[in-house]
Amino acid sequence: MTAGFFILFFVAVFCALVFPVFVIGRRRGQRNPWAAFIPLLGIWIVLFESIGRSGWFSLLVFIPTLGPLAVLMWTAVELPAHHARSRWWTLALIVPLVNLIGYWFYAFTLPREDASLAAT
């Protein structure tokens, strides 16, 4: 296998994992949903802004061991509650491997936010 194949594979997997978060940001009317494509922190920046928190909370990911787990739990619990969705979504967003599919379903079933509400 060539190095080009591995790079292409890595980029495809990265885009497949990040795209649902980009869609969540767009549907919630965020100014910069493209930030989801920033490696390491982008996903968390968009998710925190989507639940009404500062994107700076994404820096918690850098706390060894507990940081990523705490951020994953926090966003999985707060995301459905903040968007007036069922708490059952928390289960789909938190279980490993299920969450890879869960974020896709969550993003594409999330209603678009009214533009007049997004400005406030």
N, C-alpha and C. Protein backbone atom coordinates (compact mmCIF):
# COMPACT_ATOMS: atom_id res chain seq x y z
N MET A 1 0.83 -1.17 0.00
CA MET A 1 0.00 0.00 0.00
C MET A 1 0.88 1.25 0.00
N THR A 2 0.40 2.26 -0.65
CA THR A 2 1.18 3.48 -0.74
C THR A 2 0.78 4.46 0.36
N ALA A 3 1.66 5.40 0.57
CA ALA A 3 1.40 6.43 1.59
C ALA A 3 0.20 7.29 1.18
N GLY A 4 0.03 7.49 -0.12
CA GLY A 4 -1.10 8.28 -0.61
C GLY A 4 -2.44 7.66 -0.24
N PHE A 5 -2.50 6.34 -0.29
CA PHE A 5 -3.73 5.64 0.08
C PHE A 5 -4.07 5.87 1.55
N PHE A 6 -3.06 5.78 2.41
CA PHE A 6 -3.29 5.98 3.84
C PHE A 6 -3.71 7.41 4.15
N ILE A 7 -3.14 8.37 3.47
CA ILE A 7 -3.53 9.76 3.68
C ILE A 7 -4.97 9.98 3.23
N LEU A 8 -5.31 9.44 2.07
CA LEU A 8 -6.67 9.57 1.56
C LEU A 8 -7.67 8.88 2.49
N PHE A 9 -7.31 7.70 3.00
CA PHE A 9 -8.17 6.98 3.94
C PHE A 9 -8.36 7.78 5.23
N PHE A 10 -7.28 8.36 5.76
CA PHE A 10 -7.35 9.16 6.97
C PHE A 10 -8.24 10.38 6.78
N VAL A 11 -8.10 11.06 5.67
CA VAL A 11 -8.93 12.25 5.38
C VAL A 11 -10.40 11.86 5.25
N ALA A 12 -10.68 10.73 4.60
CA ALA A 12 -12.06 10.28 4.44
C ALA A 12 -12.69 9.94 5.80
N VAL A 13 -11.96 9.25 6.65
CA VAL A 13 -12.47 8.90 7.98
C VAL A 13 -12.68 10.16 8.82
N PHE A 14 -11.72 11.09 8.77
CA PHE A 14 -11.83 12.34 9.51
C PHE A 14 -13.09 13.10 9.09
N CYS A 15 -13.32 13.22 7.80
CA CYS A 15 -14.50 13.94 7.30
C CYS A 15 -15.79 13.23 7.69
N ALA A 16 -15.79 11.90 7.67
CA ALA A 16 -16.98 11.14 8.05
C ALA A 16 -17.32 11.32 9.52
N LEU A 17 -16.31 11.51 10.36
CA LEU A 17 -16.54 11.69 11.79
C LEU A 17 -16.92 13.13 12.13
N VAL A 18 -16.42 14.09 11.37
CA VAL A 18 -16.62 15.51 11.68
C VAL A 18 -17.87 16.09 11.03
N PHE A 19 -18.26 15.58 9.90
CA PHE A 19 -19.37 16.17 9.15
C PHE A 19 -20.67 16.28 9.94
N PRO A 20 -21.07 15.27 10.73
CA PRO A 20 -22.32 15.44 11.50
C PRO A 20 -22.27 16.62 12.47
N VAL A 21 -21.12 16.88 13.06
CA VAL A 21 -20.99 18.01 13.98
C VAL A 21 -21.10 19.32 13.21
N PHE A 22 -20.53 19.37 12.02
CA PHE A 22 -20.68 20.53 11.15
C PHE A 22 -22.16 20.79 10.85
N VAL A 23 -22.90 19.72 10.57
CA VAL A 23 -24.33 19.85 10.27
C VAL A 23 -25.09 20.35 11.49
N ILE A 24 -24.75 19.85 12.68
CA ILE A 24 -25.39 20.33 13.91
C ILE A 24 -25.15 21.83 14.07
N GLY A 25 -23.91 22.26 13.84
CA GLY A 25 -23.60 23.69 13.93
C GLY A 25 -24.38 24.52 12.94
N ARG A 26 -24.51 24.05 11.71
CA ARG A 26 -25.28 24.79 10.69
C ARG A 26 -26.75 24.85 11.03
N ARG A 27 -27.29 23.73 11.49
CA ARG A 27 -28.72 23.70 11.80
C ARG A 27 -29.06 24.49 13.06
N ARG A 28 -28.09 24.72 13.91
CA ARG A 28 -28.31 25.53 15.11
C ARG A 28 -28.02 27.00 14.84
N GLY A 29 -27.61 27.35 13.63
CA GLY A 29 -27.41 28.73 13.26
C GLY A 29 -26.12 29.35 13.79
N GLN A 30 -25.10 28.54 14.02
CA GLN A 30 -23.82 29.07 14.49
C GLN A 30 -23.14 29.85 13.39
N ARG A 31 -22.36 30.85 13.80
CA ARG A 31 -21.66 31.67 12.81
C ARG A 31 -20.53 30.90 12.13
N ASN A 32 -19.85 30.04 12.85
CA ASN A 32 -18.68 29.34 12.31
C ASN A 32 -18.77 27.84 12.50
N PRO A 33 -19.69 27.17 11.85
CA PRO A 33 -19.77 25.71 12.01
C PRO A 33 -18.59 25.00 11.37
N TRP A 34 -17.89 25.68 10.47
CA TRP A 34 -16.70 25.09 9.83
C TRP A 34 -15.61 24.80 10.84
N ALA A 35 -15.68 25.38 12.02
CA ALA A 35 -14.67 25.12 13.06
C ALA A 35 -14.63 23.65 13.44
N ALA A 36 -15.67 22.90 13.12
CA ALA A 36 -15.68 21.46 13.41
C ALA A 36 -14.54 20.75 12.70
N PHE A 37 -14.03 21.31 11.61
CA PHE A 37 -12.96 20.66 10.86
C PHE A 37 -11.57 20.95 11.40
N ILE A 38 -11.47 21.70 12.51
CA ILE A 38 -10.18 21.93 13.15
C ILE A 38 -9.79 20.64 13.87
N PRO A 39 -8.63 20.07 13.59
CA PRO A 39 -8.24 18.81 14.24
C PRO A 39 -8.20 18.93 15.76
N LEU A 40 -8.56 17.87 16.44
CA LEU A 40 -8.59 17.69 17.89
C LEU A 40 -9.67 18.47 18.61
N LEU A 41 -9.75 19.77 18.43
CA LEU A 41 -10.67 20.58 19.22
C LEU A 41 -11.94 21.01 18.49
N GLY A 42 -11.94 20.96 17.19
CA GLY A 42 -13.04 21.52 16.42
C GLY A 42 -14.40 20.94 16.75
N ILE A 43 -14.46 19.63 16.89
CA ILE A 43 -15.73 18.98 17.21
C ILE A 43 -16.28 19.52 18.52
N TRP A 44 -15.41 19.62 19.51
CA TRP A 44 -15.86 20.04 20.84
C TRP A 44 -16.22 21.53 20.86
N ILE A 45 -15.51 22.34 20.08
CA ILE A 45 -15.85 23.76 20.01
C ILE A 45 -17.29 23.93 19.51
N VAL A 46 -17.61 23.26 18.42
CA VAL A 46 -18.94 23.39 17.83
C VAL A 46 -20.01 22.81 18.76
N LEU A 47 -19.74 21.67 19.38
CA LEU A 47 -20.73 21.07 20.27
C LEU A 47 -20.97 21.94 21.50
N PHE A 48 -19.90 22.51 22.08
CA PHE A 48 -20.09 23.38 23.24
C PHE A 48 -20.87 24.63 22.86
N GLU A 49 -20.57 25.22 21.72
CA GLU A 49 -21.31 26.40 21.29
C GLU A 49 -22.76 26.05 20.97
N SER A 50 -22.99 24.82 20.53
CA SER A 50 -24.34 24.38 20.23
C SER A 50 -25.19 24.23 21.49
N ILE A 51 -24.55 23.97 22.63
CA ILE A 51 -25.32 23.85 23.88
C ILE A 51 -25.29 25.15 24.68
N GLY A 52 -24.79 26.21 24.08
CA GLY A 52 -24.80 27.51 24.72
C GLY A 52 -23.62 27.78 25.64
N ARG A 53 -22.57 27.01 25.53
CA ARG A 53 -21.37 27.21 26.34
C ARG A 53 -20.27 27.79 25.44
N SER A 54 -19.24 28.29 26.07
CA SER A 54 -18.10 28.83 25.32
C SER A 54 -17.29 27.70 24.69
N GLY A 55 -16.79 27.96 23.50
CA GLY A 55 -15.92 26.99 22.83
C GLY A 55 -14.63 26.73 23.58
N TRP A 56 -14.28 27.62 24.50
CA TRP A 56 -13.06 27.45 25.28
C TRP A 56 -13.13 26.23 26.19
N PHE A 57 -14.33 25.76 26.49
CA PHE A 57 -14.46 24.55 27.30
C PHE A 57 -13.84 23.34 26.61
N SER A 58 -13.65 23.42 25.31
CA SER A 58 -13.06 22.30 24.58
C SER A 58 -11.62 22.03 25.02
N LEU A 59 -10.98 23.00 25.64
CA LEU A 59 -9.61 22.78 26.13
C LEU A 59 -9.56 21.76 27.25
N LEU A 60 -10.68 21.43 27.83
CA LEU A 60 -10.73 20.38 28.86
C LEU A 60 -10.28 19.03 28.31
N VAL A 61 -10.33 18.87 27.00
CA VAL A 61 -9.90 17.62 26.37
C VAL A 61 -8.44 17.32 26.68
N PHE A 62 -7.65 18.34 26.93
CA PHE A 62 -6.22 18.14 27.15
C PHE A 62 -5.86 17.70 28.57
N ILE A 63 -6.85 17.59 29.46
CA ILE A 63 -6.59 17.03 30.79
C ILE A 63 -6.43 15.52 30.61
N PRO A 64 -5.31 14.95 31.00
CA PRO A 64 -5.07 13.53 30.75
C PRO A 64 -6.17 12.63 31.31
N THR A 65 -6.56 11.66 30.55
CA THR A 65 -7.52 10.60 30.86
C THR A 65 -8.93 11.11 31.14
N LEU A 66 -9.11 11.96 32.13
CA LEU A 66 -10.45 12.38 32.51
C LEU A 66 -11.04 13.46 31.60
N GLY A 67 -10.20 14.26 30.98
CA GLY A 67 -10.68 15.36 30.15
C GLY A 67 -11.57 14.91 29.01
N PRO A 68 -11.07 14.03 28.13
CA PRO A 68 -11.92 13.59 27.01
C PRO A 68 -13.19 12.88 27.47
N LEU A 69 -13.08 12.10 28.52
CA LEU A 69 -14.26 11.39 29.03
C LEU A 69 -15.29 12.38 29.59
N ALA A 70 -14.82 13.37 30.33
CA ALA A 70 -15.73 14.37 30.90
C ALA A 70 -16.42 15.18 29.81
N VAL A 71 -15.67 15.57 28.79
CA VAL A 71 -16.24 16.36 27.69
C VAL A 71 -17.25 15.53 26.91
N LEU A 72 -16.94 14.26 26.66
CA LEU A 72 -17.87 13.38 25.96
C LEU A 72 -19.17 13.23 26.74
N MET A 73 -19.06 12.99 28.04
CA MET A 73 -20.26 12.82 28.88
C MET A 73 -21.06 14.13 28.93
N TRP A 74 -20.37 15.24 29.13
CA TRP A 74 -21.03 16.54 29.26
C TRP A 74 -21.84 16.87 28.01
N THR A 75 -21.21 16.75 26.85
CA THR A 75 -21.91 17.11 25.62
C THR A 75 -23.00 16.11 25.29
N ALA A 76 -22.80 14.82 25.58
CA ALA A 76 -23.82 13.82 25.28
C ALA A 76 -25.06 14.01 26.14
N VAL A 77 -24.89 14.49 27.36
CA VAL A 77 -26.03 14.71 28.25
C VAL A 77 -26.72 16.05 27.93
N GLU A 78 -25.93 17.08 27.69
CA GLU A 78 -26.49 18.42 27.47
C GLU A 78 -27.07 18.64 26.08
N LEU A 79 -26.51 18.00 25.08
CA LEU A 79 -26.93 18.25 23.69
C LEU A 79 -28.42 17.98 23.48
N PRO A 80 -28.93 16.79 23.81
CA PRO A 80 -30.37 16.57 23.61
C PRO A 80 -31.23 17.48 24.49
N ALA A 81 -30.82 17.72 25.71
CA ALA A 81 -31.60 18.56 26.61
C ALA A 81 -31.70 19.99 26.08
N HIS A 82 -30.60 20.51 25.57
CA HIS A 82 -30.58 21.89 25.08
C HIS A 82 -31.38 22.06 23.79
N HIS A 83 -31.49 21.01 23.01
CA HIS A 83 -32.20 21.08 21.73
C HIS A 83 -33.63 20.54 21.84
N ALA A 84 -34.13 20.38 23.07
CA ALA A 84 -35.49 19.90 23.32
C ALA A 84 -35.76 18.55 22.66
N ARG A 85 -34.81 17.65 22.82
CA ARG A 85 -34.95 16.30 22.28
C ARG A 85 -35.01 15.31 23.44
N SER A 86 -35.40 14.12 23.16
CA SER A 86 -35.54 13.08 24.17
C SER A 86 -34.19 12.76 24.81
N ARG A 87 -34.21 12.44 26.09
CA ARG A 87 -32.98 12.05 26.80
C ARG A 87 -32.43 10.72 26.28
N TRP A 88 -33.22 9.96 25.55
CA TRP A 88 -32.73 8.71 24.97
C TRP A 88 -31.60 8.96 23.99
N TRP A 89 -31.53 10.15 23.43
CA TRP A 89 -30.43 10.49 22.53
C TRP A 89 -29.09 10.42 23.25
N THR A 90 -29.09 10.68 24.56
CA THR A 90 -27.85 10.62 25.33
C THR A 90 -27.23 9.24 25.21
N LEU A 91 -28.05 8.21 25.27
CA LEU A 91 -27.54 6.84 25.14
C LEU A 91 -26.89 6.62 23.77
N ALA A 92 -27.52 7.12 22.73
CA ALA A 92 -26.97 6.95 21.38
C ALA A 92 -25.70 7.75 21.17
N LEU A 93 -25.53 8.85 21.90
CA LEU A 93 -24.36 9.70 21.73
C LEU A 93 -23.20 9.31 22.64
N ILE A 94 -23.42 8.42 23.60
CA ILE A 94 -22.39 8.14 24.57
C ILE A 94 -21.80 6.72 24.45
N VAL A 95 -22.55 5.77 23.92
CA VAL A 95 -22.07 4.39 23.82
C VAL A 95 -21.04 4.31 22.69
N PRO A 96 -19.84 3.80 23.00
CA PRO A 96 -18.80 3.70 21.95
C PRO A 96 -19.29 2.90 20.74
N LEU A 97 -18.87 3.32 19.60
CA LEU A 97 -19.22 2.79 18.27
C LEU A 97 -20.66 3.12 17.89
N VAL A 98 -21.59 3.05 18.81
CA VAL A 98 -22.97 3.46 18.51
C VAL A 98 -23.00 4.96 18.27
N ASN A 99 -22.15 5.70 19.00
CA ASN A 99 -22.16 7.16 18.85
C ASN A 99 -21.68 7.60 17.47
N LEU A 100 -20.90 6.78 16.79
CA LEU A 100 -20.47 7.15 15.44
C LEU A 100 -21.68 7.25 14.50
N ILE A 101 -22.63 6.37 14.69
CA ILE A 101 -23.86 6.40 13.89
C ILE A 101 -24.87 7.36 14.53
N GLY A 102 -24.87 7.42 15.86
CA GLY A 102 -25.81 8.26 16.59
C GLY A 102 -25.70 9.72 16.22
N TYR A 103 -24.47 10.23 16.08
CA TYR A 103 -24.30 11.64 15.71
C TYR A 103 -24.81 11.91 14.30
N TRP A 104 -24.67 10.94 13.39
CA TRP A 104 -25.21 11.13 12.04
C TRP A 104 -26.73 11.26 12.08
N PHE A 105 -27.40 10.34 12.80
CA PHE A 105 -28.86 10.42 12.91
C PHE A 105 -29.30 11.68 13.64
N TYR A 106 -28.59 12.01 14.70
CA TYR A 106 -28.94 13.21 15.47
C TYR A 106 -28.85 14.46 14.59
N ALA A 107 -27.76 14.59 13.86
CA ALA A 107 -27.53 15.78 13.03
C ALA A 107 -28.58 15.93 11.95
N PHE A 108 -28.92 14.83 11.28
CA PHE A 108 -29.81 14.95 10.14
C PHE A 108 -31.29 14.87 10.51
N THR A 109 -31.60 14.63 11.78
CA THR A 109 -33.00 14.70 12.22
C THR A 109 -33.24 15.94 13.06
N LEU A 110 -32.20 16.72 13.30
CA LEU A 110 -32.32 17.96 14.07
C LEU A 110 -32.98 19.03 13.21
N PRO A 111 -34.06 19.63 13.69
CA PRO A 111 -34.70 20.68 12.88
C PRO A 111 -33.81 21.92 12.78
N ARG A 112 -33.95 22.62 11.68
CA ARG A 112 -33.19 23.85 11.50
C ARG A 112 -33.72 24.91 12.46
N GLU A 113 -32.79 25.70 12.99
CA GLU A 113 -33.20 26.77 13.88
C GLU A 113 -33.65 27.97 13.06
N ASP A 114 -34.67 28.63 13.52
CA ASP A 114 -35.17 29.83 12.86
C ASP A 114 -34.10 30.90 12.87
N ALA A 115 -33.86 31.56 11.74
CA ALA A 115 -32.80 32.57 11.62
C ALA A 115 -33.01 33.72 12.61
N SER A 116 -34.25 34.06 12.92
CA SER A 116 -34.49 35.14 13.86
C SER A 116 -34.08 34.75 15.28
N LEU A 117 -34.17 33.47 15.61
CA LEU A 117 -33.77 33.01 16.93
C LEU A 117 -32.26 32.86 17.02
N ALA A 118 -31.60 32.55 15.92
CA ALA A 118 -30.15 32.35 15.93
C ALA A 118 -29.40 33.65 16.21
N ALA A 119 -29.98 34.78 15.88
CA ALA A 119 -29.31 36.05 16.07
C ALA A 119 -29.29 36.50 17.54
N THR A 120 -30.16 35.90 18.35
CA THR A 120 -30.23 36.31 19.76
C THR A 120 -29.30 35.51 20.62
